[in-house]
Amino acid sequence: ADLPTKTCVSCGLPFAWRKKWERDWDQVKFCSDRCRSAGAKQA
């Protein structure tokens, strides 16, 4: 509950910080690979 959260650009759902995103948390926009591929098709 103390981890930072963001809202996914594609699906609009909130998602929490993950260790693998530690270095590029500022650039993370999508909650999953599925949303990232769907978001790329929408834009």
Full PDB file with SEQRES, HELIX, SHEET, SSBOND, CRYST1, ORIGX, SCALE, CONECT and MASTER records, all heavy atoms in Angstrom:
SEQRES   1 A   43  ALA ASP LEU PRO THR LYS THR CYS VAL SER CYS GLY LEU          
SEQRES   2 A   43  PRO PHE ALA TRP ARG LYS LYS TRP GLU ARG ASP TRP ASP          
SEQRES   3 A   43  GLN VAL LYS PHE CYS SER ASP ARG CYS ARG SER ALA GLY          
SEQRES   4 A   43  ALA LYS GLN ALA                                              
HELIX    1 AA1 LYS A   19  TRP A   21  5                                   3    
HELIX    2 AA2 ASP A   33  GLN A   42  1                                  10    
SHEET    1 AA1 2 THR A   5  THR A   7  0                                        
SHEET    2 AA1 2 PRO A  14  ALA A  16 -1                                        
CRYST1    1.000    1.000    1.000  90.00  90.00  90.00 P 1           1          
ORIGX1      1.000000  0.000000  0.000000        0.00000                         
ORIGX2      0.000000  1.000000  0.000000        0.00000                         
ORIGX3      0.000000  0.000000  1.000000        0.00000                         
SCALE1      1.000000  0.000000  0.000000        0.00000                         
SCALE2      0.000000  1.000000  0.000000        0.00000                         
SCALE3      0.000000  0.000000  1.000000        0.00000                         
ATOM      1  N   ALA A   1       0.819  -1.212   0.000  1.00  0.00           N  
ATOM      2  CA  ALA A   1       0.000   0.000   0.000  1.00  0.00           C  
ATOM      3  C   ALA A   1       0.854   1.263   0.000  1.00  0.00           C  
ATOM      4  O   ALA A   1       0.392   2.334  -0.402  1.00  0.00           O  
ATOM      5  CB  ALA A   1      -0.927  -0.009   1.208  1.00  0.00           C  
ATOM      6  N   ASP A   2       2.115   1.177   0.438  1.00  0.00           N  
ATOM      7  CA  ASP A   2       3.003   2.340   0.490  1.00  0.00           C  
ATOM      8  C   ASP A   2       3.761   2.578  -0.810  1.00  0.00           C  
ATOM      9  O   ASP A   2       4.449   3.588  -0.939  1.00  0.00           O  
ATOM     10  CB  ASP A   2       4.016   2.172   1.629  1.00  0.00           C  
ATOM     11  CG  ASP A   2       3.350   2.158   2.993  1.00  0.00           C  
ATOM     12  OD1 ASP A   2       2.225   2.689   3.119  1.00  0.00           O  
ATOM     13  OD2 ASP A   2       3.954   1.620   3.930  1.00  0.00           O  
ATOM     14  N   LEU A   3       3.673   1.672  -1.770  1.00  0.00           N  
ATOM     15  CA  LEU A   3       4.384   1.821  -3.041  1.00  0.00           C  
ATOM     16  C   LEU A   3       3.689   2.854  -3.918  1.00  0.00           C  
ATOM     17  O   LEU A   3       2.472   3.005  -3.869  1.00  0.00           O  
ATOM     18  CB  LEU A   3       4.426   0.479  -3.778  1.00  0.00           C  
ATOM     19  CG  LEU A   3       5.213  -0.628  -3.105  1.00  0.00           C  
ATOM     20  CD1 LEU A   3       5.035  -1.924  -3.876  1.00  0.00           C  
ATOM     21  CD2 LEU A   3       6.677  -0.267  -2.998  1.00  0.00           C  
ATOM     22  N   PRO A   4       4.455   3.580  -4.741  1.00  0.00           N  
ATOM     23  CA  PRO A   4       3.831   4.551  -5.644  1.00  0.00           C  
ATOM     24  C   PRO A   4       2.982   3.844  -6.702  1.00  0.00           C  
ATOM     25  O   PRO A   4       3.259   2.715  -7.092  1.00  0.00           O  
ATOM     26  CB  PRO A   4       5.016   5.270  -6.283  1.00  0.00           C  
ATOM     27  CG  PRO A   4       6.209   4.457  -5.988  1.00  0.00           C  
ATOM     28  CD  PRO A   4       5.904   3.587  -4.830  1.00  0.00           C  
ATOM     29  N   THR A   5       1.951   4.522  -7.160  1.00  0.00           N  
ATOM     30  CA  THR A   5       1.069   3.945  -8.175  1.00  0.00           C  
ATOM     31  C   THR A   5       0.918   4.916  -9.343  1.00  0.00           C  
ATOM     32  O   THR A   5       1.162   6.106  -9.218  1.00  0.00           O  
ATOM     33  CB  THR A   5      -0.335   3.636  -7.609  1.00  0.00           C  
ATOM     34  OG1 THR A   5      -0.911   4.841  -7.122  1.00  0.00           O  
ATOM     35  CG2 THR A   5      -0.272   2.606  -6.508  1.00  0.00           C  
ATOM     36  N   LYS A   6       0.506   4.371 -10.469  1.00  0.00           N  
ATOM     37  CA  LYS A   6       0.198   5.137 -11.675  1.00  0.00           C  
ATOM     38  C   LYS A   6      -1.057   4.545 -12.287  1.00  0.00           C  
ATOM     39  O   LYS A   6      -1.474   3.446 -11.950  1.00  0.00           O  
ATOM     40  CB  LYS A   6       1.317   5.024 -12.700  1.00  0.00           C  
ATOM     41  CG  LYS A   6       2.554   5.803 -12.374  1.00  0.00           C  
ATOM     42  CD  LYS A   6       3.502   5.746 -13.555  1.00  0.00           C  
ATOM     43  CE  LYS A   6       4.725   6.583 -13.285  1.00  0.00           C  
ATOM     44  NZ  LYS A   6       5.635   6.584 -14.432  1.00  0.00           N  
ATOM     45  N   THR A   7      -1.636   5.261 -13.242  1.00  0.00           N  
ATOM     46  CA  THR A   7      -2.782   4.768 -13.987  1.00  0.00           C  
ATOM     47  C   THR A   7      -2.327   4.385 -15.388  1.00  0.00           C  
ATOM     48  O   THR A   7      -1.624   5.154 -16.052  1.00  0.00           O  
ATOM     49  CB  THR A   7      -3.869   5.854 -14.082  1.00  0.00           C  
ATOM     50  OG1 THR A   7      -4.215   6.258 -12.761  1.00  0.00           O  
ATOM     51  CG2 THR A   7      -5.107   5.336 -14.771  1.00  0.00           C  
ATOM     52  N   CYS A   8      -2.720   3.221 -15.823  1.00  0.00           N  
ATOM     53  CA  CYS A   8      -2.340   2.720 -17.146  1.00  0.00           C  
ATOM     54  C   CYS A   8      -2.979   3.583 -18.236  1.00  0.00           C  
ATOM     55  O   CYS A   8      -4.174   3.900 -18.172  1.00  0.00           O  
ATOM     56  CB  CYS A   8      -2.790   1.269 -17.293  1.00  0.00           C  
ATOM     57  SG  CYS A   8      -2.406   0.536 -18.889  1.00  0.00           S  
ATOM     58  N   VAL A   9      -2.195   3.966 -19.227  1.00  0.00           N  
ATOM     59  CA  VAL A   9      -2.670   4.803 -20.327  1.00  0.00           C  
ATOM     60  C   VAL A   9      -3.670   4.041 -21.193  1.00  0.00           C  
ATOM     61  O   VAL A   9      -4.616   4.621 -21.706  1.00  0.00           O  
ATOM     62  CB  VAL A   9      -1.479   5.292 -21.180  1.00  0.00           C  
ATOM     63  CG1 VAL A   9      -1.939   6.061 -22.390  1.00  0.00           C  
ATOM     64  CG2 VAL A   9      -0.542   6.127 -20.339  1.00  0.00           C  
ATOM     65  N   SER A  10      -3.498   2.744 -21.331  1.00  0.00           N  
ATOM     66  CA  SER A  10      -4.332   1.944 -22.210  1.00  0.00           C  
ATOM     67  C   SER A  10      -5.661   1.532 -21.562  1.00  0.00           C  
ATOM     68  O   SER A  10      -6.720   1.817 -22.094  1.00  0.00           O  
ATOM     69  CB  SER A  10      -3.570   0.698 -22.648  1.00  0.00           C  
ATOM     70  OG  SER A  10      -4.353  -0.088 -23.493  1.00  0.00           O  
ATOM     71  N   CYS A  11      -5.586   0.890 -20.391  1.00  0.00           N  
ATOM     72  CA  CYS A  11      -6.804   0.351 -19.772  1.00  0.00           C  
ATOM     73  C   CYS A  11      -7.384   1.242 -18.680  1.00  0.00           C  
ATOM     74  O   CYS A  11      -8.530   1.066 -18.285  1.00  0.00           O  
ATOM     75  CB  CYS A  11      -6.547  -1.043 -19.211  1.00  0.00           C  
ATOM     76  SG  CYS A  11      -5.417  -1.101 -17.805  1.00  0.00           S  
ATOM     77  N   GLY A  12      -6.600   2.192 -18.164  1.00  0.00           N  
ATOM     78  CA  GLY A  12      -7.102   3.111 -17.154  1.00  0.00           C  
ATOM     79  C   GLY A  12      -7.096   2.578 -15.736  1.00  0.00           C  
ATOM     80  O   GLY A  12      -7.558   3.264 -14.823  1.00  0.00           O  
ATOM     81  N   LEU A  13      -6.578   1.379 -15.531  1.00  0.00           N  
ATOM     82  CA  LEU A  13      -6.535   0.799 -14.192  1.00  0.00           C  
ATOM     83  C   LEU A  13      -5.247   1.204 -13.472  1.00  0.00           C  
ATOM     84  O   LEU A  13      -4.205   1.390 -14.104  1.00  0.00           O  
ATOM     85  CB  LEU A  13      -6.614  -0.728 -14.271  1.00  0.00           C  
ATOM     86  CG  LEU A  13      -7.920  -1.294 -14.812  1.00  0.00           C  
ATOM     87  CD1 LEU A  13      -7.815  -2.802 -14.948  1.00  0.00           C  
ATOM     88  CD2 LEU A  13      -9.074  -0.929 -13.908  1.00  0.00           C  
ATOM     89  N   PRO A  14      -5.305   1.328 -12.143  1.00  0.00           N  
ATOM     90  CA  PRO A  14      -4.091   1.667 -11.404  1.00  0.00           C  
ATOM     91  C   PRO A  14      -3.156   0.467 -11.290  1.00  0.00           C  
ATOM     92  O   PRO A  14      -3.606  -0.679 -11.239  1.00  0.00           O  
ATOM     93  CB  PRO A  14      -4.615   2.075 -10.030  1.00  0.00           C  
ATOM     94  CG  PRO A  14      -5.921   1.387  -9.896  1.00  0.00           C  
ATOM     95  CD  PRO A  14      -6.473   1.263 -11.287  1.00  0.00           C  
ATOM     96  N   PHE A  15      -1.846   0.746 -11.276  1.00  0.00           N  
ATOM     97  CA  PHE A  15      -0.864  -0.313 -11.061  1.00  0.00           C  
ATOM     98  C   PHE A  15       0.238   0.223 -10.174  1.00  0.00           C  
ATOM     99  O   PHE A  15       0.495   1.420 -10.125  1.00  0.00           O  
ATOM    100  CB  PHE A  15      -0.322  -0.870 -12.379  1.00  0.00           C  
ATOM    101  CG  PHE A  15       0.421   0.119 -13.231  1.00  0.00           C  
ATOM    102  CD1 PHE A  15       1.808   0.200 -13.177  1.00  0.00           C  
ATOM    103  CD2 PHE A  15      -0.251   0.956 -14.097  1.00  0.00           C  
ATOM    104  CE1 PHE A  15       2.503   1.101 -13.977  1.00  0.00           C  
ATOM    105  CE2 PHE A  15       0.427   1.857 -14.899  1.00  0.00           C  
ATOM    106  CZ  PHE A  15       1.805   1.931 -14.830  1.00  0.00           C  
ATOM    107  N   ALA A  16       0.897  -0.671  -9.440  1.00  0.00           N  
ATOM    108  CA  ALA A  16       1.901  -0.290  -8.444  1.00  0.00           C  
ATOM    109  C   ALA A  16       3.315  -0.467  -8.989  1.00  0.00           C  
ATOM    110  O   ALA A  16       3.548  -1.205  -9.947  1.00  0.00           O  
ATOM    111  CB  ALA A  16       1.724  -1.124  -7.180  1.00  0.00           C  
ATOM    112  N   TRP A  17       4.232   0.212  -8.352  1.00  0.00           N  
ATOM    113  CA  TRP A  17       5.665   0.153  -8.655  1.00  0.00           C  
ATOM    114  C   TRP A  17       6.163  -1.277  -8.544  1.00  0.00           C  
ATOM    115  O   TRP A  17       5.725  -2.033  -7.682  1.00  0.00           O  
ATOM    116  CB  TRP A  17       6.390   1.037  -7.654  1.00  0.00           C  
ATOM    117  CG  TRP A  17       7.860   1.145  -7.812  1.00  0.00           C  
ATOM    118  CD1 TRP A  17       8.528   2.056  -8.550  1.00  0.00           C  
ATOM    119  CD2 TRP A  17       8.867   0.333  -7.177  1.00  0.00           C  
ATOM    120  NE1 TRP A  17       9.881   1.871  -8.424  1.00  0.00           N  
ATOM    121  CE2 TRP A  17      10.112   0.815  -7.587  1.00  0.00           C  
ATOM    122  CE3 TRP A  17       8.819  -0.747  -6.310  1.00  0.00           C  
ATOM    123  CZ2 TRP A  17      11.310   0.249  -7.158  1.00  0.00           C  
ATOM    124  CZ3 TRP A  17       9.997  -1.312  -5.885  1.00  0.00           C  
ATOM    125  CH2 TRP A  17      11.229  -0.808  -6.308  1.00  0.00           C  
ATOM    126  N   ARG A  18       7.067  -1.655  -9.433  1.00  0.00           N  
ATOM    127  CA  ARG A  18       7.715  -2.971  -9.376  1.00  0.00           C  
ATOM    128  C   ARG A  18       9.220  -2.785  -9.376  1.00  0.00           C  
ATOM    129  O   ARG A  18       9.733  -1.826  -9.944  1.00  0.00           O  
ATOM    130  CB  ARG A  18       7.342  -3.821 -10.589  1.00  0.00           C  
ATOM    131  CG  ARG A  18       5.900  -4.229 -10.622  1.00  0.00           C  
ATOM    132  CD  ARG A  18       5.667  -5.145 -11.795  1.00  0.00           C  
ATOM    133  NE  ARG A  18       4.274  -5.457 -11.942  1.00  0.00           N  
ATOM    134  CZ  ARG A  18       3.779  -6.182 -12.920  1.00  0.00           C  
ATOM    135  NH1 ARG A  18       4.579  -6.660 -13.857  1.00  0.00           N  
ATOM    136  NH2 ARG A  18       2.507  -6.427 -12.993  1.00  0.00           N  
ATOM    137  N   LYS A  19       9.920  -3.708  -8.780  1.00  0.00           N  
ATOM    138  CA  LYS A  19      11.375  -3.642  -8.691  1.00  0.00           C  
ATOM    139  C   LYS A  19      12.016  -3.545 -10.078  1.00  0.00           C  
ATOM    140  O   LYS A  19      12.969  -2.798 -10.274  1.00  0.00           O  
ATOM    141  CB  LYS A  19      11.891  -4.878  -7.935  1.00  0.00           C  
ATOM    142  CG  LYS A  19      13.391  -4.966  -7.812  1.00  0.00           C  
ATOM    143  CD  LYS A  19      13.938  -3.926  -6.882  1.00  0.00           C  
ATOM    144  CE  LYS A  19      15.436  -4.140  -6.711  1.00  0.00           C  
ATOM    145  NZ  LYS A  19      16.065  -3.040  -6.032  1.00  0.00           N  
ATOM    146  N   LYS A  20      11.474  -4.265 -11.059  1.00  0.00           N  
ATOM    147  CA  LYS A  20      12.074  -4.252 -12.395  1.00  0.00           C  
ATOM    148  C   LYS A  20      11.914  -2.899 -13.085  1.00  0.00           C  
ATOM    149  O   LYS A  20      12.621  -2.616 -14.045  1.00  0.00           O  
ATOM    150  CB  LYS A  20      11.515  -5.374 -13.273  1.00  0.00           C  
ATOM    151  CG  LYS A  20      10.077  -5.213 -13.686  1.00  0.00           C  
ATOM    152  CD  LYS A  20       9.665  -6.381 -14.566  1.00  0.00           C  
ATOM    153  CE  LYS A  20       8.255  -6.220 -15.076  1.00  0.00           C  
ATOM    154  NZ  LYS A  20       7.896  -7.308 -15.971  1.00  0.00           N  
ATOM    155  N   TRP A  21      11.009  -2.032 -12.589  1.00  0.00           N  
ATOM    156  CA  TRP A  21      10.824  -0.702 -13.144  1.00  0.00           C  
ATOM    157  C   TRP A  21      11.595   0.353 -12.355  1.00  0.00           C  
ATOM    158  O   TRP A  21      11.418   1.545 -12.575  1.00  0.00           O  
ATOM    159  CB  TRP A  21       9.359  -0.319 -13.140  1.00  0.00           C  
ATOM    160  CG  TRP A  21       8.502  -1.131 -14.063  1.00  0.00           C  
ATOM    161  CD1 TRP A  21       8.866  -1.717 -15.231  1.00  0.00           C  
ATOM    162  CD2 TRP A  21       7.121  -1.429 -13.885  1.00  0.00           C  
ATOM    163  NE1 TRP A  21       7.797  -2.353 -15.808  1.00  0.00           N  
ATOM    164  CE2 TRP A  21       6.705  -2.201 -14.990  1.00  0.00           C  
ATOM    165  CE3 TRP A  21       6.178  -1.126 -12.912  1.00  0.00           C  
ATOM    166  CZ2 TRP A  21       5.414  -2.652 -15.142  1.00  0.00           C  
ATOM    167  CZ3 TRP A  21       4.888  -1.582 -13.063  1.00  0.00           C  
ATOM    168  CH2 TRP A  21       4.518  -2.337 -14.167  1.00  0.00           C  
ATOM    169  N   GLU A  22      12.462  -0.053 -11.459  1.00  0.00           N  
ATOM    170  CA  GLU A  22      13.147   0.866 -10.556  1.00  0.00           C  
ATOM    171  C   GLU A  22      13.874   1.988 -11.298  1.00  0.00           C  
ATOM    172  O   GLU A  22      13.759   3.153 -10.925  1.00  0.00           O  
ATOM    173  CB  GLU A  22      14.136   0.080  -9.696  1.00  0.00           C  
ATOM    174  CG  GLU A  22      14.836   0.899  -8.646  1.00  0.00           C  
ATOM    175  CD  GLU A  22      15.676   0.040  -7.724  1.00  0.00           C  
ATOM    176  OE1 GLU A  22      16.093  -1.071  -8.126  1.00  0.00           O  
ATOM    177  OE2 GLU A  22      15.904   0.495  -6.599  1.00  0.00           O  
ATOM    178  N   ARG A  23      14.610   1.653 -12.350  1.00  0.00           N  
ATOM    179  CA  ARG A  23      15.406   2.657 -13.054  1.00  0.00           C  
ATOM    180  C   ARG A  23      14.580   3.537 -13.982  1.00  0.00           C  
ATOM    181  O   ARG A  23      14.922   4.680 -14.227  1.00  0.00           O  
ATOM    182  CB  ARG A  23      16.533   1.998 -13.844  1.00  0.00           C  
ATOM    183  CG  ARG A  23      17.693   1.629 -12.938  1.00  0.00           C  
ATOM    184  CD  ARG A  23      18.838   1.059 -13.735  1.00  0.00           C  
ATOM    185  NE  ARG A  23      18.780  -0.396 -13.563  1.00  0.00           N  
ATOM    186  CZ  ARG A  23      18.992  -1.280 -14.518  1.00  0.00           C  
ATOM    187  NH1 ARG A  23      19.306  -0.895 -15.721  1.00  0.00           N  
ATOM    188  NH2 ARG A  23      18.907  -2.563 -14.268  1.00  0.00           N  
ATOM    189  N   ASP A  24      13.481   3.017 -14.577  1.00  0.00           N  
ATOM    190  CA  ASP A  24      12.698   3.829 -15.504  1.00  0.00           C  
ATOM    191  C   ASP A  24      11.253   4.031 -15.074  1.00  0.00           C  
ATOM    192  O   ASP A  24      10.371   4.088 -15.916  1.00  0.00           O  
ATOM    193  CB  ASP A  24      12.681   3.262 -16.925  1.00  0.00           C  
ATOM    194  CG  ASP A  24      13.261   1.911 -17.091  1.00  0.00           C  
ATOM    195  OD1 ASP A  24      14.453   1.837 -16.972  1.00  0.00           O  
ATOM    196  OD2 ASP A  24      12.515   0.964 -17.351  1.00  0.00           O  
ATOM    197  N   TRP A  25      10.988   4.203 -13.811  1.00  0.00           N  
ATOM    198  CA  TRP A  25       9.621   4.400 -13.318  1.00  0.00           C  
ATOM    199  C   TRP A  25       8.979   5.625 -13.970  1.00  0.00           C  
ATOM    200  O   TRP A  25       7.784   5.634 -14.246  1.00  0.00           O  
ATOM    201  CB  TRP A  25       9.619   4.509 -11.799  1.00  0.00           C  
ATOM    202  CG  TRP A  25       8.270   4.778 -11.216  1.00  0.00           C  
ATOM    203  CD1 TRP A  25       7.897   5.890 -10.524  1.00  0.00           C  
ATOM    204  CD2 TRP A  25       7.114   3.934 -11.254  1.00  0.00           C  
ATOM    205  NE1 TRP A  25       6.585   5.786 -10.133  1.00  0.00           N  
ATOM    206  CE2 TRP A  25       6.079   4.594 -10.577  1.00  0.00           C  
ATOM    207  CE3 TRP A  25       6.845   2.694 -11.811  1.00  0.00           C  
ATOM    208  CZ2 TRP A  25       4.807   4.053 -10.432  1.00  0.00           C  
ATOM    209  CZ3 TRP A  25       5.569   2.150 -11.662  1.00  0.00           C  
ATOM    210  CH2 TRP A  25       4.574   2.829 -10.982  1.00  0.00           C  
ATOM    211  N   ASP A  26       9.755   6.652 -14.256  1.00  0.00           N  
ATOM    212  CA  ASP A  26       9.203   7.864 -14.858  1.00  0.00           C  
ATOM    213  C   ASP A  26       8.704   7.617 -16.287  1.00  0.00           C  
ATOM    214  O   ASP A  26       7.785   8.298 -16.744  1.00  0.00           O  
ATOM    215  CB  ASP A  26      10.244   8.981 -14.876  1.00  0.00           C  
ATOM    216  CG  ASP A  26      10.601   9.443 -13.479  1.00  0.00           C  
ATOM    217  OD1 ASP A  26       9.759   9.314 -12.566  1.00  0.00           O  
ATOM    218  OD2 ASP A  26      11.728   9.925 -13.302  1.00  0.00           O  
ATOM    219  N   GLN A  27       9.282   6.653 -16.995  1.00  0.00           N  
ATOM    220  CA  GLN A  27       8.882   6.375 -18.371  1.00  0.00           C  
ATOM    221  C   GLN A  27       7.800   5.303 -18.491  1.00  0.00           C  
ATOM    222  O   GLN A  27       7.242   5.120 -19.567  1.00  0.00           O  
ATOM    223  CB  GLN A  27      10.092   5.931 -19.210  1.00  0.00           C  
ATOM    224  CG  GLN A  27      11.071   7.034 -19.500  1.00  0.00           C  
ATOM    225  CD  GLN A  27      12.007   7.306 -18.347  1.00  0.00           C  
ATOM    226  OE1 GLN A  27      12.364   6.395 -17.626  1.00  0.00           O  
ATOM    227  NE2 GLN A  27      12.391   8.554 -18.166  1.00  0.00           N  
ATOM    228  N   VAL A  28       7.497   4.585 -17.409  1.00  0.00           N  
ATOM    229  CA  VAL A  28       6.501   3.505 -17.457  1.00  0.00           C  
ATOM    230  C   VAL A  28       5.113   4.113 -17.632  1.00  0.00           C  
ATOM    231  O   VAL A  28       4.716   4.993 -16.875  1.00  0.00           O  
ATOM    232  CB  VAL A  28       6.562   2.645 -16.174  1.00  0.00           C  
ATOM    233  CG1 VAL A  28       5.448   1.616 -16.169  1.00  0.00           C  
ATOM    234  CG2 VAL A  28       7.898   1.962 -16.046  1.00  0.00           C  
ATOM    235  N   LYS A  29       4.366   3.642 -18.655  1.00  0.00           N  
ATOM    236  CA  LYS A  29       3.027   4.158 -18.939  1.00  0.00           C  
ATOM    237  C   LYS A  29       1.964   3.071 -18.928  1.00  0.00           C  
ATOM    238  O   LYS A  29       0.789   3.359 -18.765  1.00  0.00           O  
ATOM    239  CB  LYS A  29       3.008   4.831 -20.308  1.00  0.00           C  
ATOM    240  CG  LYS A  29       3.895   6.033 -20.404  1.00  0.00           C  
ATOM    241  CD  LYS A  29       3.878   6.600 -21.800  1.00  0.00           C  
ATOM    242  CE  LYS A  29       4.869   7.737 -21.900  1.00  0.00           C  
ATOM    243  NZ  LYS A  29       5.142   8.113 -23.281  1.00  0.00           N  
ATOM    244  N   PHE A  30       2.387   1.820 -19.144  1.00  0.00           N  
ATOM    245  CA  PHE A  30       1.437   0.723 -19.278  1.00  0.00           C  
ATOM    246  C   PHE A  30       1.639  -0.294 -18.156  1.00  0.00           C  
ATOM    247  O   PHE A  30       2.757  -0.508 -17.699  1.00  0.00           O  
ATOM    248  CB  PHE A  30       1.617   0.032 -20.628  1.00  0.00           C  
ATOM    249  CG  PHE A  30       1.446   0.964 -21.796  1.00  0.00           C  
ATOM    250  CD1 PHE A  30       2.545   1.428 -22.496  1.00  0.00           C  
ATOM    251  CD2 PHE A  30       0.198   1.386 -22.182  1.00  0.00           C  
ATOM    252  CE1 PHE A  30       2.408   2.284 -23.567  1.00  0.00           C  
ATOM    253  CE2 PHE A  30       0.039   2.250 -23.256  1.00  0.00           C  
ATOM    254  CZ  PHE A  30       1.139   2.704 -23.946  1.00  0.00           C  
ATOM    255  N   CYS A  31       0.560  -0.958 -17.755  1.00  0.00           N  
ATOM    256  CA  CYS A  31       0.630  -1.908 -16.644  1.00  0.00           C  
ATOM    257  C   CYS A  31       1.139  -3.284 -17.070  1.00  0.00           C  
ATOM    258  O   CYS A  31       1.595  -4.057 -16.236  1.00  0.00           O  
ATOM    259  CB  CYS A  31      -0.733  -2.037 -15.980  1.00  0.00           C  
ATOM    260  SG  CYS A  31      -2.035  -2.701 -17.039  1.00  0.00           S  
ATOM    261  N   SER A  32       1.061  -3.600 -18.358  1.00  0.00           N  
ATOM    262  CA  SER A  32       1.466  -4.933 -18.820  1.00  0.00           C  
ATOM    263  C   SER A  32       1.870  -4.888 -20.289  1.00  0.00           C  
ATOM    264  O   SER A  32       1.652  -3.893 -20.985  1.00  0.00           O  
ATOM    265  CB  SER A  32       0.291  -5.908 -18.655  1.00  0.00           C  
ATOM    266  OG  SER A  32      -0.781  -5.524 -19.498  1.00  0.00           O  
ATOM    267  N   ASP A  33       2.441  -5.988 -20.754  1.00  0.00           N  
ATOM    268  CA  ASP A  33       2.798  -6.101 -22.173  1.00  0.00           C  
ATOM    269  C   ASP A  33       1.544  -6.060 -23.045  1.00  0.00           C  
ATOM    270  O   ASP A  33       1.553  -5.496 -24.139  1.00  0.00           O  
ATOM    271  CB  ASP A  33       3.554  -7.402 -22.442  1.00  0.00           C  
ATOM    272  CG  ASP A  33       4.944  -7.392 -21.844  1.00  0.00           C  
ATOM    273  OD1 ASP A  33       5.502  -6.292 -21.650  1.00  0.00           O  
ATOM    274  OD2 ASP A  33       5.482  -8.488 -21.588  1.00  0.00           O  
ATOM    275  N   ARG A  34       0.463  -6.648 -22.569  1.00  0.00           N  
ATOM    276  CA  ARG A  34      -0.786  -6.658 -23.324  1.00  0.00           C  
ATOM    277  C   ARG A  34      -1.300  -5.234 -23.545  1.00  0.00           C  
ATOM    278  O   ARG A  34      -1.693  -4.859 -24.656  1.00  0.00           O  
ATOM    279  CB  ARG A  34      -1.824  -7.490 -22.583  1.00  0.00           C  
ATOM    280  CG  ARG A  34      -3.143  -7.584 -23.292  1.00  0.00           C  
ATOM    281  CD  ARG A  34      -4.089  -8.464 -22.515  1.00  0.00           C  
ATOM    282  NE  ARG A  34      -5.372  -8.520 -23.196  1.00  0.00           N  
ATOM    283  CZ  ARG A  34      -6.402  -9.193 -22.752  1.00  0.00           C  
ATOM    284  NH1 ARG A  34      -6.320  -9.877 -21.624  1.00  0.00           N  
ATOM    285  NH2 ARG A  34      -7.527  -9.207 -23.415  1.00  0.00           N  
ATOM    286  N   CYS A  35      -1.282  -4.420 -22.491  1.00  0.00           N  
ATOM    287  CA  CYS A  35      -1.723  -3.027 -22.622  1.00  0.00           C  
ATOM    288  C   CYS A  35      -0.766  -2.218 -23.482  1.00  0.00           C  
ATOM    289  O   CYS A  35      -1.186  -1.337 -24.228  1.00  0.00           O  
ATOM    290  CB  CYS A  35      -1.859  -2.378 -21.244  1.00  0.00           C  
ATOM    291  SG  CYS A  35      -3.362  -2.861 -20.386  1.00  0.00           S  
ATOM    292  N   ARG A  36       0.527  -2.505 -23.388  1.00  0.00           N  
ATOM    293  CA  ARG A  36       1.494  -1.776 -24.199  1.00  0.00           C  
ATOM    294  C   ARG A  36       1.268  -2.051 -25.679  1.00  0.00           C  
ATOM    295  O   ARG A  36       1.274  -1.139 -26.501  1.00  0.00           O  
ATOM    296  CB  ARG A  36       2.916  -2.172 -23.818  1.00  0.00           C  
ATOM    297  CG  ARG A  36       3.952  -1.357 -24.571  1.00  0.00           C  
ATOM    298  CD  ARG A  36       5.345  -1.668 -24.150  1.00  0.00           C  
ATOM    299  NE  ARG A  36       5.542  -3.111 -24.033  1.00  0.00           N  
ATOM    300  CZ  ARG A  36       6.460  -3.684 -23.291  1.00  0.00           C  
ATOM    301  NH1 ARG A  36       7.283  -2.943 -22.579  1.00  0.00           N  
ATOM    302  NH2 ARG A  36       6.569  -4.978 -23.233  1.00  0.00           N  
ATOM    303  N   SER A  37       1.004  -3.307 -26.062  1.00  0.00           N  
ATOM    304  CA  SER A  37       0.766  -3.612 -27.471  1.00  0.00           C  
ATOM    305  C   SER A  37      -0.581  -3.054 -27.941  1.00  0.00           C  
ATOM    306  O   SER A  37      -0.694  -2.581 -29.063  1.00  0.00           O  
ATOM    307  CB  SER A  37       0.845  -5.116 -27.732  1.00  0.00           C  
ATOM    308  OG  SER A  37      -0.170  -5.793 -27.036  1.00  0.00           O  
ATOM    309  N   ALA A  38      -1.580  -3.061 -27.087  1.00  0.00           N  
ATOM    310  CA  ALA A  38      -2.877  -2.487 -27.436  1.00  0.00           C  
ATOM    311  C   ALA A  38      -2.785  -0.972 -27.528  1.00  0.00           C  
ATOM    312  O   ALA A  38      -3.384  -0.344 -28.404  1.00  0.00           O  
ATOM    313  CB  ALA A  38      -3.928  -2.886 -26.411  1.00  0.00           C  
ATOM    314  N   GLY A  39      -2.004  -0.354 -26.638  1.00  0.00           N  
ATOM    315  CA  GLY A  39      -1.830   1.098 -26.661  1.00  0.00           C  
ATOM    316  C   GLY A  39      -1.082   1.564 -27.888  1.00  0.00           C  
ATOM    317  O   GLY A  39      -1.364   2.628 -28.429  1.00  0.00           O  
ATOM    318  N   ALA A  40      -0.133   0.784 -28.361  1.00  0.00           N  
ATOM    319  CA  ALA A  40       0.626   1.137 -29.550  1.00  0.00           C  
ATOM    320  C   ALA A  40      -0.288   1.099 -30.781  1.00  0.00           C  
ATOM    321  O   ALA A  40      -0.145   1.900 -31.699  1.00  0.00           O  
ATOM    322  CB  ALA A  40       1.801   0.191 -29.715  1.00  0.00           C  
ATOM    323  N   LYS A  41      -1.243   0.201 -30.802  1.00  0.00           N  
ATOM    324  CA  LYS A  41      -2.165   0.099 -31.934  1.00  0.00           C  
ATOM    325  C   LYS A  41      -3.184   1.240 -31.920  1.00  0.00           C  
ATOM    326  O   LYS A  41      -3.610   1.710 -32.959  1.00  0.00           O  
ATOM    327  CB  LYS A  41      -2.899  -1.250 -31.910  1.00  0.00           C  
ATOM    328  CG  LYS A  41      -2.003  -2.411 -32.207  1.00  0.00           C  
ATOM    329  CD  LYS A  41      -2.730  -3.728 -32.063  1.00  0.00           C  
ATOM    330  CE  LYS A  41      -1.780  -4.904 -32.223  1.00  0.00           C  
ATOM    331  NZ  LYS A  41      -2.413  -6.176 -31.952  1.00  0.00           N  
ATOM    332  N   GLN A  42      -3.586   1.686 -30.712  1.00  0.00           N  
ATOM    333  CA  GLN A  42      -4.561   2.767 -30.587  1.00  0.00           C  
ATOM    334  C   GLN A  42      -3.973   4.105 -31.001  1.00  0.00           C  
ATOM    335  O   GLN A  42      -4.637   4.937 -31.572  1.00  0.00           O  
ATOM    336  CB  GLN A  42      -5.061   2.888 -29.142  1.00  0.00           C  
ATOM    337  CG  GLN A  42      -5.953   1.747 -28.725  1.00  0.00           C  
ATOM    338  CD  GLN A  42      -6.341   1.860 -27.265  1.00  0.00           C  
ATOM    339  OE1 GLN A  42      -5.873   2.714 -26.536  1.00  0.00           O  
ATOM    340  NE2 GLN A  42      -7.207   0.941 -26.831  1.00  0.00           N  
ATOM    341  N   ALA A  43      -2.695   4.338 -30.685  1.00  0.00           N  
ATOM    342  CA  ALA A  43      -2.071   5.638 -30.955  1.00  0.00           C  
ATOM    343  C   ALA A  43      -1.630   5.807 -32.377  1.00  0.00           C  
ATOM    344  O   ALA A  43      -1.861   5.184 -33.279  1.00  0.00           O  
ATOM    345  CB  ALA A  43      -0.847   5.811 -30.060  1.00  0.00           C  
TER     346      ALA A  43                                                      
MASTER        0    0    0    2    2    0    0    6  345    1    0    4          
END                                                                             
